[in-house]
């Protein structure tokens, strides 16, 4: 397995550093763990799509859908844009 699929986990450095400079970012260990699971699973899925789908248009469409879904899940967990149980509503 390639180490490149773990690169999205480097995004977790941003809130970690932000917590050192402001009180507005208040993540605990479970937030980092859940974010790592989400980023890792989406990067594994994107890697699978890139490796297995040969048609360029289908690959781009599939990756676009995956990215949109990632953004929606992340936004729901962050601020609860849909008001679901996941966001604590």
N, C-alpha and C. Protein backbone atom coordinates (compact mmCIF):
# COMPACT_ATOMS: atom_id res chain seq x y z
N UNK A 1 0.84 -1.17 0.00
CA UNK A 1 0.00 0.00 0.00
C UNK A 1 0.89 1.24 0.00
N UNK A 2 0.49 2.20 -0.77
CA UNK A 2 1.28 3.41 -0.91
C UNK A 2 1.09 4.32 0.31
N UNK A 3 2.14 5.02 0.66
CA UNK A 3 2.06 5.96 1.77
C UNK A 3 1.31 7.23 1.39
N UNK A 4 1.10 7.45 0.10
CA UNK A 4 0.43 8.66 -0.35
C UNK A 4 -1.00 8.77 0.16
N UNK A 5 -1.62 7.64 0.44
CA UNK A 5 -3.01 7.69 0.90
C UNK A 5 -3.11 8.27 2.31
N UNK A 6 -2.00 8.34 3.03
CA UNK A 6 -2.01 8.90 4.37
C UNK A 6 -1.76 10.41 4.38
N UNK A 7 -1.42 11.00 3.25
CA UNK A 7 -1.16 12.43 3.18
C UNK A 7 -2.35 13.30 3.61
N UNK A 8 -3.60 12.92 3.32
CA UNK A 8 -4.71 13.76 3.82
C UNK A 8 -4.75 13.88 5.33
N UNK A 9 -4.15 12.93 6.03
CA UNK A 9 -4.13 13.02 7.50
C UNK A 9 -3.29 14.20 7.97
N UNK A 10 -2.41 14.70 7.11
CA UNK A 10 -1.62 15.88 7.47
C UNK A 10 -2.50 17.12 7.65
N UNK A 11 -3.72 17.08 7.10
CA UNK A 11 -4.65 18.19 7.29
C UNK A 11 -5.03 18.36 8.76
N UNK A 12 -4.88 17.33 9.54
CA UNK A 12 -5.23 17.41 10.96
C UNK A 12 -4.24 18.27 11.75
N UNK A 13 -3.13 18.62 11.14
CA UNK A 13 -2.17 19.51 11.78
C UNK A 13 -2.76 20.92 11.92
N UNK A 14 -3.63 21.29 10.96
CA UNK A 14 -4.20 22.64 10.97
C UNK A 14 -5.01 22.91 12.24
N UNK A 15 -6.00 22.07 12.60
CA UNK A 15 -6.71 22.36 13.85
C UNK A 15 -5.84 22.18 15.10
N UNK A 16 -4.86 21.27 15.02
CA UNK A 16 -3.98 21.07 16.17
C UNK A 16 -3.17 22.34 16.45
N UNK A 17 -2.61 22.93 15.41
CA UNK A 17 -1.86 24.18 15.59
C UNK A 17 -2.79 25.32 15.96
N UNK A 18 -3.98 25.34 15.35
CA UNK A 18 -4.95 26.39 15.66
C UNK A 18 -5.37 26.38 17.12
N UNK A 19 -5.42 25.20 17.71
CA UNK A 19 -5.78 25.10 19.12
C UNK A 19 -4.74 25.76 20.03
N UNK A 20 -3.52 25.84 19.56
CA UNK A 20 -2.45 26.45 20.37
C UNK A 20 -2.55 27.97 20.39
N UNK A 21 -3.22 28.55 19.36
CA UNK A 21 -3.24 30.00 19.23
C UNK A 21 -4.57 30.65 19.59
N UNK A 22 -5.66 29.87 19.60
CA UNK A 22 -6.97 30.45 19.87
C UNK A 22 -7.81 29.48 20.68
N UNK A 23 -8.77 30.05 21.40
CA UNK A 23 -9.71 29.22 22.16
C UNK A 23 -10.94 28.86 21.33
N UNK A 24 -11.06 29.39 20.13
CA UNK A 24 -12.23 29.14 19.29
C UNK A 24 -12.20 27.75 18.67
N UNK A 25 -11.05 27.14 18.60
CA UNK A 25 -10.94 25.76 18.12
C UNK A 25 -10.82 24.88 19.35
N UNK A 26 -11.83 24.06 19.58
CA UNK A 26 -11.87 23.26 20.79
C UNK A 26 -12.12 21.80 20.41
N UNK A 27 -11.09 21.14 19.92
CA UNK A 27 -11.19 19.73 19.54
C UNK A 27 -10.66 18.88 20.68
N UNK A 28 -11.26 17.71 20.84
CA UNK A 28 -10.71 16.74 21.77
C UNK A 28 -10.21 15.53 20.97
N UNK A 29 -9.76 14.52 21.67
CA UNK A 29 -9.16 13.37 21.01
C UNK A 29 -10.15 12.66 20.08
N UNK A 30 -11.41 12.59 20.48
CA UNK A 30 -12.40 11.92 19.64
C UNK A 30 -12.64 12.68 18.34
N UNK A 31 -12.55 14.01 18.36
CA UNK A 31 -12.68 14.80 17.14
C UNK A 31 -11.55 14.48 16.16
N UNK A 32 -10.34 14.40 16.68
CA UNK A 32 -9.20 14.07 15.82
C UNK A 32 -9.31 12.64 15.30
N UNK A 33 -9.78 11.73 16.14
CA UNK A 33 -9.91 10.33 15.72
C UNK A 33 -10.97 10.18 14.64
N UNK A 34 -12.13 10.81 14.82
CA UNK A 34 -13.19 10.73 13.82
C UNK A 34 -12.76 11.39 12.51
N UNK A 35 -12.09 12.52 12.59
CA UNK A 35 -11.59 13.19 11.39
C UNK A 35 -10.56 12.34 10.66
N UNK A 36 -9.71 11.68 11.42
CA UNK A 36 -8.72 10.80 10.79
C UNK A 36 -9.38 9.63 10.08
N UNK A 37 -10.42 9.07 10.70
CA UNK A 37 -11.14 7.96 10.06
C UNK A 37 -11.82 8.43 8.77
N UNK A 38 -12.45 9.59 8.81
CA UNK A 38 -13.12 10.12 7.63
C UNK A 38 -12.12 10.40 6.52
N UNK A 39 -11.04 11.09 6.83
CA UNK A 39 -10.04 11.42 5.81
C UNK A 39 -9.37 10.18 5.24
N UNK A 40 -9.05 9.23 6.10
CA UNK A 40 -8.40 8.01 5.63
C UNK A 40 -9.34 7.19 4.75
N UNK A 41 -10.60 7.06 5.14
CA UNK A 41 -11.52 6.27 4.33
C UNK A 41 -11.79 6.92 2.98
N UNK A 42 -11.92 8.25 2.95
CA UNK A 42 -12.12 8.92 1.67
C UNK A 42 -10.88 8.85 0.79
N UNK A 43 -9.70 8.92 1.39
CA UNK A 43 -8.49 8.81 0.58
C UNK A 43 -8.30 7.39 0.05
N UNK A 44 -8.67 6.38 0.84
CA UNK A 44 -8.62 5.00 0.35
C UNK A 44 -9.61 4.79 -0.78
N UNK A 45 -10.80 5.33 -0.65
CA UNK A 45 -11.80 5.20 -1.70
C UNK A 45 -11.36 5.93 -2.97
N UNK A 46 -10.80 7.12 -2.83
CA UNK A 46 -10.31 7.86 -4.00
C UNK A 46 -9.16 7.11 -4.66
N UNK A 47 -8.28 6.53 -3.87
CA UNK A 47 -7.17 5.75 -4.42
C UNK A 47 -7.69 4.53 -5.18
N UNK A 48 -8.70 3.88 -4.63
CA UNK A 48 -9.32 2.73 -5.29
C UNK A 48 -9.94 3.14 -6.62
N UNK A 49 -10.63 4.26 -6.65
CA UNK A 49 -11.25 4.74 -7.89
C UNK A 49 -10.19 5.06 -8.93
N UNK A 50 -9.12 5.72 -8.51
CA UNK A 50 -8.06 6.07 -9.46
C UNK A 50 -7.40 4.83 -10.05
N UNK A 51 -7.21 3.82 -9.22
CA UNK A 51 -6.52 2.60 -9.69
C UNK A 51 -7.42 1.71 -10.54
N UNK A 52 -8.72 1.62 -10.24
CA UNK A 52 -9.58 0.62 -10.86
C UNK A 52 -10.41 1.12 -12.04
N UNK A 53 -10.71 2.40 -12.10
CA UNK A 53 -11.55 2.92 -13.18
C UNK A 53 -10.66 3.45 -14.29
N UNK A 54 -10.82 2.89 -15.47
CA UNK A 54 -9.97 3.27 -16.60
C UNK A 54 -10.52 4.44 -17.40
N UNK A 55 -11.82 4.53 -17.50
CA UNK A 55 -12.44 5.61 -18.27
C UNK A 55 -12.24 6.94 -17.55
N UNK A 56 -11.65 7.91 -18.24
CA UNK A 56 -11.30 9.19 -17.62
C UNK A 56 -12.53 9.95 -17.13
N UNK A 57 -13.58 9.98 -17.95
CA UNK A 57 -14.79 10.72 -17.57
C UNK A 57 -15.47 10.09 -16.36
N UNK A 58 -15.53 8.78 -16.32
CA UNK A 58 -16.13 8.09 -15.18
C UNK A 58 -15.30 8.32 -13.92
N UNK A 59 -13.99 8.30 -14.07
CA UNK A 59 -13.11 8.53 -12.92
C UNK A 59 -13.29 9.94 -12.36
N UNK A 60 -13.34 10.93 -13.24
CA UNK A 60 -13.52 12.32 -12.79
C UNK A 60 -14.88 12.50 -12.12
N UNK A 61 -15.91 11.91 -12.72
CA UNK A 61 -17.25 12.00 -12.13
C UNK A 61 -17.28 11.33 -10.75
N UNK A 62 -16.70 10.16 -10.64
CA UNK A 62 -16.69 9.43 -9.37
C UNK A 62 -15.92 10.20 -8.29
N UNK A 63 -14.77 10.75 -8.65
CA UNK A 63 -13.99 11.51 -7.68
C UNK A 63 -14.71 12.79 -7.27
N UNK A 64 -15.41 13.41 -8.20
CA UNK A 64 -16.18 14.61 -7.88
C UNK A 64 -17.29 14.30 -6.88
N UNK A 65 -17.98 13.19 -7.10
CA UNK A 65 -19.04 12.77 -6.17
C UNK A 65 -18.45 12.48 -4.79
N UNK A 66 -17.31 11.82 -4.74
CA UNK A 66 -16.66 11.50 -3.47
C UNK A 66 -16.25 12.78 -2.73
N UNK A 67 -15.70 13.74 -3.45
CA UNK A 67 -15.27 15.00 -2.83
C UNK A 67 -16.47 15.79 -2.30
N UNK A 68 -17.55 15.83 -3.08
CA UNK A 68 -18.76 16.53 -2.63
C UNK A 68 -19.31 15.86 -1.38
N UNK A 69 -19.34 14.54 -1.37
CA UNK A 69 -19.82 13.81 -0.20
C UNK A 69 -18.94 14.07 1.02
N UNK A 70 -17.63 14.12 0.82
CA UNK A 70 -16.71 14.43 1.92
C UNK A 70 -16.99 15.82 2.49
N UNK A 71 -17.17 16.78 1.63
CA UNK A 71 -17.44 18.15 2.08
C UNK A 71 -18.76 18.22 2.84
N UNK A 72 -19.79 17.52 2.35
CA UNK A 72 -21.08 17.53 3.04
C UNK A 72 -21.01 16.85 4.40
N UNK A 73 -20.32 15.73 4.48
CA UNK A 73 -20.18 15.04 5.77
C UNK A 73 -19.39 15.91 6.74
N UNK A 74 -18.31 16.50 6.26
CA UNK A 74 -17.47 17.34 7.12
C UNK A 74 -18.26 18.55 7.63
N UNK A 75 -19.01 19.19 6.73
CA UNK A 75 -19.80 20.35 7.13
C UNK A 75 -20.91 19.97 8.11
N UNK A 76 -21.51 18.82 7.91
CA UNK A 76 -22.56 18.37 8.82
C UNK A 76 -21.98 18.12 10.21
N UNK A 77 -20.84 17.48 10.28
CA UNK A 77 -20.23 17.22 11.58
C UNK A 77 -19.71 18.50 12.23
N UNK A 78 -19.29 19.46 11.42
CA UNK A 78 -18.73 20.70 11.97
C UNK A 78 -19.80 21.64 12.49
N UNK A 79 -20.81 21.92 11.68
CA UNK A 79 -21.78 22.94 12.06
C UNK A 79 -23.23 22.47 11.98
N UNK A 80 -23.48 21.28 11.47
CA UNK A 80 -24.83 20.76 11.42
C UNK A 80 -25.72 21.45 10.41
N UNK A 81 -25.30 21.51 9.16
CA UNK A 81 -26.07 22.22 8.14
C UNK A 81 -27.39 21.54 7.83
N UNK A 82 -27.52 20.25 8.12
CA UNK A 82 -28.77 19.54 7.86
C UNK A 82 -29.57 19.28 9.12
N UNK A 83 -28.98 19.51 10.26
CA UNK A 83 -29.68 19.31 11.53
C UNK A 83 -29.89 17.84 11.87
N UNK A 84 -28.98 17.00 11.48
CA UNK A 84 -29.13 15.56 11.76
C UNK A 84 -28.61 15.23 13.16
N UNK A 85 -28.77 13.98 13.52
CA UNK A 85 -28.31 13.50 14.83
C UNK A 85 -26.78 13.51 14.89
N UNK A 86 -26.12 13.39 13.74
CA UNK A 86 -24.66 13.38 13.72
C UNK A 86 -24.06 14.67 14.27
N UNK A 87 -24.73 15.78 14.01
CA UNK A 87 -24.22 17.07 14.45
C UNK A 87 -24.62 17.39 15.87
N UNK A 88 -25.37 16.51 16.51
CA UNK A 88 -25.79 16.75 17.89
C UNK A 88 -27.07 17.54 17.99
N UNK A 89 -27.81 17.62 16.90
CA UNK A 89 -29.09 18.37 16.93
C UNK A 89 -30.20 17.53 17.49
